[in-house]
Amino acid sequence: MSGGSWNYLYYEIDDIADTLIQDKDPLRKAFGKKMKYIAQALRDIEWVDSGDYEKGEEVEAIEKALAR
């Protein structure tokens, strides 16, 4: 199992994002979609910090999250 250095927080963020994406409110739905990018960036950060990815492999996901 990869990760662990951030207690797999990205799982919770991803679950919240999925719930918001299903909401009828367009603002909540849009926020949920942004949170998917944040969850991916957090996952990649966690995997770098845990030694499962090389330093720098998180950069693309972070940039995507910031651009959305």
PDB file of N, CA and C in Angstrom:
ATOM      1  N   MET A   1       0.849  -1.190   0.000  1.00  0.00           N
ATOM      2  CA  MET A   1       0.000   0.000   0.000  1.00  0.00           C
ATOM      3  C   MET A   1       0.882   1.237   0.000  1.00  0.00           C
ATOM      4  N   SER A   2       0.596   2.151  -0.882  1.00  0.00           N
ATOM      5  CA  SER A   2       1.373   3.376  -0.973  1.00  0.00           C
ATOM      6  C   SER A   2       0.782   4.460  -0.088  1.00  0.00           C
ATOM      7  N   GLY A   3       1.579   5.465   0.129  1.00  0.00           N
ATOM      8  CA  GLY A   3       1.101   6.595   0.916  1.00  0.00           C
ATOM      9  C   GLY A   3       1.237   6.365   2.395  1.00  0.00           C
ATOM     10  N   GLY A   4       0.452   7.072   3.156  1.00  0.00           N
ATOM     11  CA  GLY A   4       0.436   6.910   4.598  1.00  0.00           C
ATOM     12  C   GLY A   4       0.980   8.092   5.358  1.00  0.00           C
ATOM     13  N   SER A   5       1.843   8.871   4.745  1.00  0.00           N
ATOM     14  CA  SER A   5       2.464   9.967   5.481  1.00  0.00           C
ATOM     15  C   SER A   5       1.469  11.076   5.831  1.00  0.00           C
ATOM     16  N   TRP A   6       0.354  11.122   5.112  1.00  0.00           N
ATOM     17  CA  TRP A   6      -0.688  12.113   5.377  1.00  0.00           C
ATOM     18  C   TRP A   6      -1.979  11.418   5.805  1.00  0.00           C
ATOM     19  N   ASN A   7      -1.860  10.192   6.277  1.00  0.00           N
ATOM     20  CA  ASN A   7      -3.001   9.406   6.763  1.00  0.00           C
ATOM     21  C   ASN A   7      -4.103   9.244   5.712  1.00  0.00           C
ATOM     22  N   TYR A   8      -3.701   9.192   4.446  1.00  0.00           N
ATOM     23  CA  TYR A   8      -4.645   8.955   3.342  1.00  0.00           C
ATOM     24  C   TYR A   8      -5.790   9.964   3.310  1.00  0.00           C
ATOM     25  N   LEU A   9      -5.495  11.198   3.691  1.00  0.00           N
ATOM     26  CA  LEU A   9      -6.512  12.252   3.711  1.00  0.00           C
ATOM     27  C   LEU A   9      -7.163  12.434   2.347  1.00  0.00           C
ATOM     28  N   TYR A  10      -6.411  12.181   1.288  1.00  0.00           N
ATOM     29  CA  TYR A  10      -6.960  12.370  -0.052  1.00  0.00           C
ATOM     30  C   TYR A  10      -8.184  11.498  -0.305  1.00  0.00           C
ATOM     31  N   TYR A  11      -8.265  10.337   0.356  1.00  0.00           N
ATOM     32  CA  TYR A  11      -9.459   9.485   0.222  1.00  0.00           C
ATOM     33  C   TYR A  11     -10.712  10.227   0.681  1.00  0.00           C
ATOM     34  N   GLU A  12     -10.600  10.894   1.826  1.00  0.00           N
ATOM     35  CA  GLU A  12     -11.752  11.621   2.367  1.00  0.00           C
ATOM     36  C   GLU A  12     -12.143  12.787   1.457  1.00  0.00           C
ATOM     37  N   ILE A  13     -11.140  13.511   0.968  1.00  0.00           N
ATOM     38  CA  ILE A  13     -11.409  14.633   0.067  1.00  0.00           C
ATOM     39  C   ILE A  13     -12.086  14.127  -1.202  1.00  0.00           C
ATOM     40  N   ASP A  14     -11.602  13.009  -1.724  1.00  0.00           N
ATOM     41  CA  ASP A  14     -12.176  12.430  -2.932  1.00  0.00           C
ATOM     42  C   ASP A  14     -13.633  11.993  -2.699  1.00  0.00           C
ATOM     43  N   ASP A  15     -13.909  11.405  -1.549  1.00  0.00           N
ATOM     44  CA  ASP A  15     -15.280  10.997  -1.223  1.00  0.00           C
ATOM     45  C   ASP A  15     -16.215  12.202  -1.121  1.00  0.00           C
ATOM     46  N   ILE A  16     -15.741  13.267  -0.490  1.00  0.00           N
ATOM     47  CA  ILE A  16     -16.542  14.486  -0.377  1.00  0.00           C
ATOM     48  C   ILE A  16     -16.803  15.059  -1.772  1.00  0.00           C
ATOM     49  N   ALA A  17     -15.772  15.052  -2.609  1.00  0.00           N
ATOM     50  CA  ALA A  17     -15.918  15.558  -3.977  1.00  0.00           C
ATOM     51  C   ALA A  17     -16.982  14.769  -4.725  1.00  0.00           C
ATOM     52  N   ASP A  18     -16.955  13.445  -4.605  1.00  0.00           N
ATOM     53  CA  ASP A  18     -17.960  12.613  -5.275  1.00  0.00           C
ATOM     54  C   ASP A  18     -19.373  12.969  -4.826  1.00  0.00           C
ATOM     55  N   THR A  19     -19.546  13.199  -3.538  1.00  0.00           N
ATOM     56  CA  THR A  19     -20.864  13.563  -3.004  1.00  0.00           C
ATOM     57  C   THR A  19     -21.321  14.914  -3.564  1.00  0.00           C
ATOM     58  N   LEU A  20     -20.414  15.884  -3.573  1.00  0.00           N
ATOM     59  CA  LEU A  20     -20.778  17.205  -4.079  1.00  0.00           C
ATOM     60  C   LEU A  20     -21.096  17.187  -5.573  1.00  0.00           C
ATOM     61  N   ILE A  21     -20.384  16.381  -6.320  1.00  0.00           N
ATOM     62  CA  ILE A  21     -20.627  16.289  -7.760  1.00  0.00           C
ATOM     63  C   ILE A  21     -22.030  15.768  -8.043  1.00  0.00           C
ATOM     64  N   GLN A  22     -22.583  14.984  -7.151  1.00  0.00           N
ATOM     65  CA  GLN A  22     -23.934  14.444  -7.322  1.00  0.00           C
ATOM     66  C   GLN A  22     -25.028  15.431  -6.895  1.00  0.00           C
ATOM     67  N   ASP A  23     -24.642  16.520  -6.250  1.00  0.00           N
ATOM     68  CA  ASP A  23     -25.607  17.504  -5.759  1.00  0.00           C
ATOM     69  C   ASP A  23     -26.287  18.218  -6.931  1.00  0.00           C
ATOM     70  N   LYS A  24     -27.513  18.637  -6.709  1.00  0.00           N
ATOM     71  CA  LYS A  24     -28.265  19.366  -7.746  1.00  0.00           C
ATOM     72  C   LYS A  24     -27.815  20.816  -7.871  1.00  0.00           C
ATOM     73  N   ASP A  25     -27.266  21.357  -6.807  1.00  0.00           N
ATOM     74  CA  ASP A  25     -26.806  22.741  -6.819  1.00  0.00           C
ATOM     75  C   ASP A  25     -25.557  22.862  -7.708  1.00  0.00           C
ATOM     76  N   PRO A  26     -25.615  23.704  -8.756  1.00  0.00           N
ATOM     77  CA  PRO A  26     -24.484  23.795  -9.682  1.00  0.00           C
ATOM     78  C   PRO A  26     -23.189  24.301  -9.035  1.00  0.00           C
ATOM     79  N   LEU A  27     -23.323  25.142  -8.021  1.00  0.00           N
ATOM     80  CA  LEU A  27     -22.134  25.652  -7.338  1.00  0.00           C
ATOM     81  C   LEU A  27     -21.435  24.537  -6.558  1.00  0.00           C
ATOM     82  N   ARG A  28     -22.234  23.722  -5.855  1.00  0.00           N
ATOM     83  CA  ARG A  28     -21.661  22.575  -5.128  1.00  0.00           C
ATOM     84  C   ARG A  28     -21.043  21.583  -6.102  1.00  0.00           C
ATOM     85  N   LYS A  29     -21.712  21.350  -7.202  1.00  0.00           N
ATOM     86  CA  LYS A  29     -21.211  20.420  -8.225  1.00  0.00           C
ATOM     87  C   LYS A  29     -19.861  20.911  -8.759  1.00  0.00           C
ATOM     88  N   ALA A  30     -19.770  22.188  -9.054  1.00  0.00           N
ATOM     89  CA  ALA A  30     -18.522  22.759  -9.563  1.00  0.00           C
ATOM     90  C   ALA A  30     -17.408  22.662  -8.525  1.00  0.00           C
ATOM     91  N   PHE A  31     -17.750  22.905  -7.277  1.00  0.00           N
ATOM     92  CA  PHE A  31     -16.761  22.807  -6.201  1.00  0.00           C
ATOM     93  C   PHE A  31     -16.274  21.366  -6.060  1.00  0.00           C
ATOM     94  N   GLY A  32     -17.183  20.420  -6.169  1.00  0.00           N
ATOM     95  CA  GLY A  32     -16.815  19.010  -6.110  1.00  0.00           C
ATOM     96  C   GLY A  32     -15.847  18.634  -7.217  1.00  0.00           C
ATOM     97  N   LYS A  33     -16.076  19.167  -8.409  1.00  0.00           N
ATOM     98  CA  LYS A  33     -15.167  18.884  -9.528  1.00  0.00           C
ATOM     99  C   LYS A  33     -13.770  19.440  -9.249  1.00  0.00           C
ATOM    100  N   LYS A  34     -13.703  20.629  -8.670  1.00  0.00           N
ATOM    101  CA  LYS A  34     -12.401  21.195  -8.299  1.00  0.00           C
ATOM    102  C   LYS A  34     -11.732  20.339  -7.230  1.00  0.00           C
ATOM    103  N   MET A  35     -12.517  19.860  -6.298  1.00  0.00           N
ATOM    104  CA  MET A  35     -11.966  19.035  -5.222  1.00  0.00           C
ATOM    105  C   MET A  35     -11.355  17.737  -5.750  1.00  0.00           C
ATOM    106  N   LYS A  36     -11.845  17.216  -6.873  1.00  0.00           N
ATOM    107  CA  LYS A  36     -11.244  16.014  -7.470  1.00  0.00           C
ATOM    108  C   LYS A  36      -9.784  16.287  -7.827  1.00  0.00           C
ATOM    109  N   TYR A  37      -9.508  17.454  -8.376  1.00  0.00           N
ATOM    110  CA  TYR A  37      -8.128  17.824  -8.709  1.00  0.00           C
ATOM    111  C   TYR A  37      -7.291  18.003  -7.442  1.00  0.00           C
ATOM    112  N   ILE A  38      -7.898  18.572  -6.416  1.00  0.00           N
ATOM    113  CA  ILE A  38      -7.202  18.752  -5.143  1.00  0.00           C
ATOM    114  C   ILE A  38      -6.880  17.395  -4.528  1.00  0.00           C
ATOM    115  N   ALA A  39      -7.834  16.477  -4.564  1.00  0.00           N
ATOM    116  CA  ALA A  39      -7.605  15.135  -4.021  1.00  0.00           C
ATOM    117  C   ALA A  39      -6.455  14.446  -4.753  1.00  0.00           C
ATOM    118  N   GLN A  40      -6.404  14.580  -6.070  1.00  0.00           N
ATOM    119  CA  GLN A  40      -5.321  13.964  -6.846  1.00  0.00           C
ATOM    120  C   GLN A  40      -3.970  14.569  -6.466  1.00  0.00           C
ATOM    121  N   ALA A  41      -3.933  15.888  -6.296  1.00  0.00           N
ATOM    122  CA  ALA A  41      -2.692  16.543  -5.896  1.00  0.00           C
ATOM    123  C   ALA A  41      -2.267  16.084  -4.505  1.00  0.00           C
ATOM    124  N   LEU A  42      -3.217  15.976  -3.588  1.00  0.00           N
ATOM    125  CA  LEU A  42      -2.902  15.493  -2.247  1.00  0.00           C
ATOM    126  C   LEU A  42      -2.385  14.064  -2.268  1.00  0.00           C
ATOM    127  N   ARG A  43      -2.959  13.234  -3.125  1.00  0.00           N
ATOM    128  CA  ARG A  43      -2.506  11.847  -3.265  1.00  0.00           C
ATOM    129  C   ARG A  43      -1.055  11.815  -3.730  1.00  0.00           C
ATOM    130  N   ASP A  44      -0.763  12.590  -4.759  1.00  0.00           N
ATOM    131  CA  ASP A  44       0.594  12.594  -5.291  1.00  0.00           C
ATOM    132  C   ASP A  44       1.590  13.153  -4.282  1.00  0.00           C
ATOM    133  N   ILE A  45       1.206  14.189  -3.560  1.00  0.00           N
ATOM    134  CA  ILE A  45       2.056  14.739  -2.501  1.00  0.00           C
ATOM    135  C   ILE A  45       2.323  13.672  -1.450  1.00  0.00           C
ATOM    136  N   GLU A  46       1.279  12.986  -1.032  1.00  0.00           N
ATOM    137  CA  GLU A  46       1.428  11.944  -0.016  1.00  0.00           C
ATOM    138  C   GLU A  46       2.362  10.839  -0.501  1.00  0.00           C
ATOM    139  N   TRP A  47       2.230  10.444  -1.739  1.00  0.00           N
ATOM    140  CA  TRP A  47       3.068   9.364  -2.261  1.00  0.00           C
ATOM    141  C   TRP A  47       4.524   9.806  -2.387  1.00  0.00           C
ATOM    142  N   VAL A  48       4.764  11.075  -2.727  1.00  0.00           N
ATOM    143  CA  VAL A  48       6.134  11.592  -2.734  1.00  0.00           C
ATOM    144  C   VAL A  48       6.688  11.592  -1.314  1.00  0.00           C
ATOM    145  N   ASP A  49       5.896  12.107  -0.384  1.00  0.00           N
ATOM    146  CA  ASP A  49       6.351  12.198   1.002  1.00  0.00           C
ATOM    147  C   ASP A  49       6.552  10.830   1.638  1.00  0.00           C
ATOM    148  N   SER A  50       5.877   9.821   1.121  1.00  0.00           N
ATOM    149  CA  SER A  50       6.010   8.456   1.640  1.00  0.00           C
ATOM    150  C   SER A  50       7.119   7.672   0.931  1.00  0.00           C
ATOM    151  N   GLY A  51       7.690   8.271  -0.094  1.00  0.00           N
ATOM    152  CA  GLY A  51       8.767   7.617  -0.813  1.00  0.00           C
ATOM    153  C   GLY A  51       8.317   6.696  -1.935  1.00  0.00           C
ATOM    154  N   ASP A  52       7.030   6.730  -2.270  1.00  0.00           N
ATOM    155  CA  ASP A  52       6.502   5.884  -3.338  1.00  0.00           C
ATOM    156  C   ASP A  52       6.664   6.527  -4.710  1.00  0.00           C
ATOM    157  N   TYR A  53       6.755   7.848  -4.747  1.00  0.00           N
ATOM    158  CA  TYR A  53       7.014   8.596  -5.976  1.00  0.00           C
ATOM    159  C   TYR A  53       8.310   9.369  -5.756  1.00  0.00           C
ATOM    160  N   GLU A  54       8.941   9.738  -6.841  1.00  0.00           N
ATOM    161  CA  GLU A  54      10.139  10.573  -6.776  1.00  0.00           C
ATOM    162  C   GLU A  54       9.725  12.033  -6.577  1.00  0.00           C
ATOM    163  N   LYS A  55      10.589  12.804  -5.927  1.00  0.00           N
ATOM    164  CA  LYS A  55      10.352  14.229  -5.740  1.00  0.00           C
ATOM    165  C   LYS A  55      10.114  14.871  -7.109  1.00  0.00           C
ATOM    166  N   GLY A  56       9.072  15.653  -7.210  1.00  0.00           N
ATOM    167  CA  GLY A  56       8.719  16.328  -8.456  1.00  0.00           C
ATOM    168  C   GLY A  56       7.566  15.672  -9.192  1.00  0.00           C
ATOM    169  N   GLU A  57       7.270  14.409  -8.874  1.00  0.00           N
ATOM    170  CA  GLU A  57       6.170  13.725  -9.560  1.00  0.00           C
ATOM    171  C   GLU A  57       4.801  14.264  -9.150  1.00  0.00           C
ATOM    172  N   GLU A  58       4.762  15.075  -8.111  1.00  0.00           N
ATOM    173  CA  GLU A  58       3.509  15.668  -7.660  1.00  0.00           C
ATOM    174  C   GLU A  58       3.208  16.990  -8.358  1.00  0.00           C
ATOM    175  N   VAL A  59       4.200  17.551  -9.023  1.00  0.00           N
ATOM    176  CA  VAL A  59       4.087  18.905  -9.577  1.00  0.00           C
ATOM    177  C   VAL A  59       2.939  19.034 -10.573  1.00  0.00           C
ATOM    178  N   GLU A  60       2.807  18.107 -11.501  1.00  0.00           N
ATOM    179  CA  GLU A  60       1.758  18.207 -12.508  1.00  0.00           C
ATOM    180  C   GLU A  60       0.366  18.241 -11.881  1.00  0.00           C
ATOM    181  N   ALA A  61       0.126  17.380 -10.896  1.00  0.00           N
ATOM    182  CA  ALA A  61      -1.182  17.346 -10.233  1.00  0.00           C
ATOM    183  C   ALA A  61      -1.450  18.630  -9.456  1.00  0.00           C
ATOM    184  N   ILE A  62      -0.416  19.164  -8.828  1.00  0.00           N
ATOM    185  CA  ILE A  62      -0.572  20.434  -8.091  1.00  0.00           C
ATOM    186  C   ILE A  62      -0.912  21.560  -9.070  1.00  0.00           C
ATOM    187  N   GLU A  63      -0.202  21.612 -10.187  1.00  0.00           N
ATOM    188  CA  GLU A  63      -0.462  22.644 -11.179  1.00  0.00           C
ATOM    189  C   GLU A  63      -1.887  22.535 -11.732  1.00  0.00           C
ATOM    190  N   LYS A  64      -2.363  21.329 -11.974  1.00  0.00           N
ATOM    191  CA  LYS A  64      -3.734  21.157 -12.448  1.00  0.00           C
ATOM    192  C   LYS A  64      -4.734  21.643 -11.414  1.00  0.00           C
ATOM    193  N   ALA A  65      -4.487  21.329 -10.151  1.00  0.00           N
ATOM    194  CA  ALA A  65      -5.400  21.751  -9.087  1.00  0.00           C
ATOM    195  C   ALA A  65      -5.427  23.270  -8.960  1.00  0.00           C
ATOM    196  N   LEU A  66      -4.280  23.886  -9.106  1.00  0.00           N
ATOM    197  CA  LEU A  66      -4.222  25.346  -9.007  1.00  0.00           C
ATOM    198  C   LEU A  66      -4.829  26.050 -10.215  1.00  0.00           C
ATOM    199  N   ALA A  67      -4.789  25.389 -11.359  1.00  0.00           N
ATOM    200  CA  ALA A  67      -5.296  25.994 -12.599  1.00  0.00           C
ATOM    201  C   ALA A  67      -6.811  25.904 -12.723  1.00  0.00           C
ATOM    202  N   ARG A  68      -7.430  25.033 -11.992  1.00  0.00           N
ATOM    203  CA  ARG A  68      -8.871  24.811 -12.132  1.00  0.00           C
ATOM    204  C   ARG A  68      -9.659  25.795 -11.319  1.00  0.00           C
TER     205      ARG A  68
END
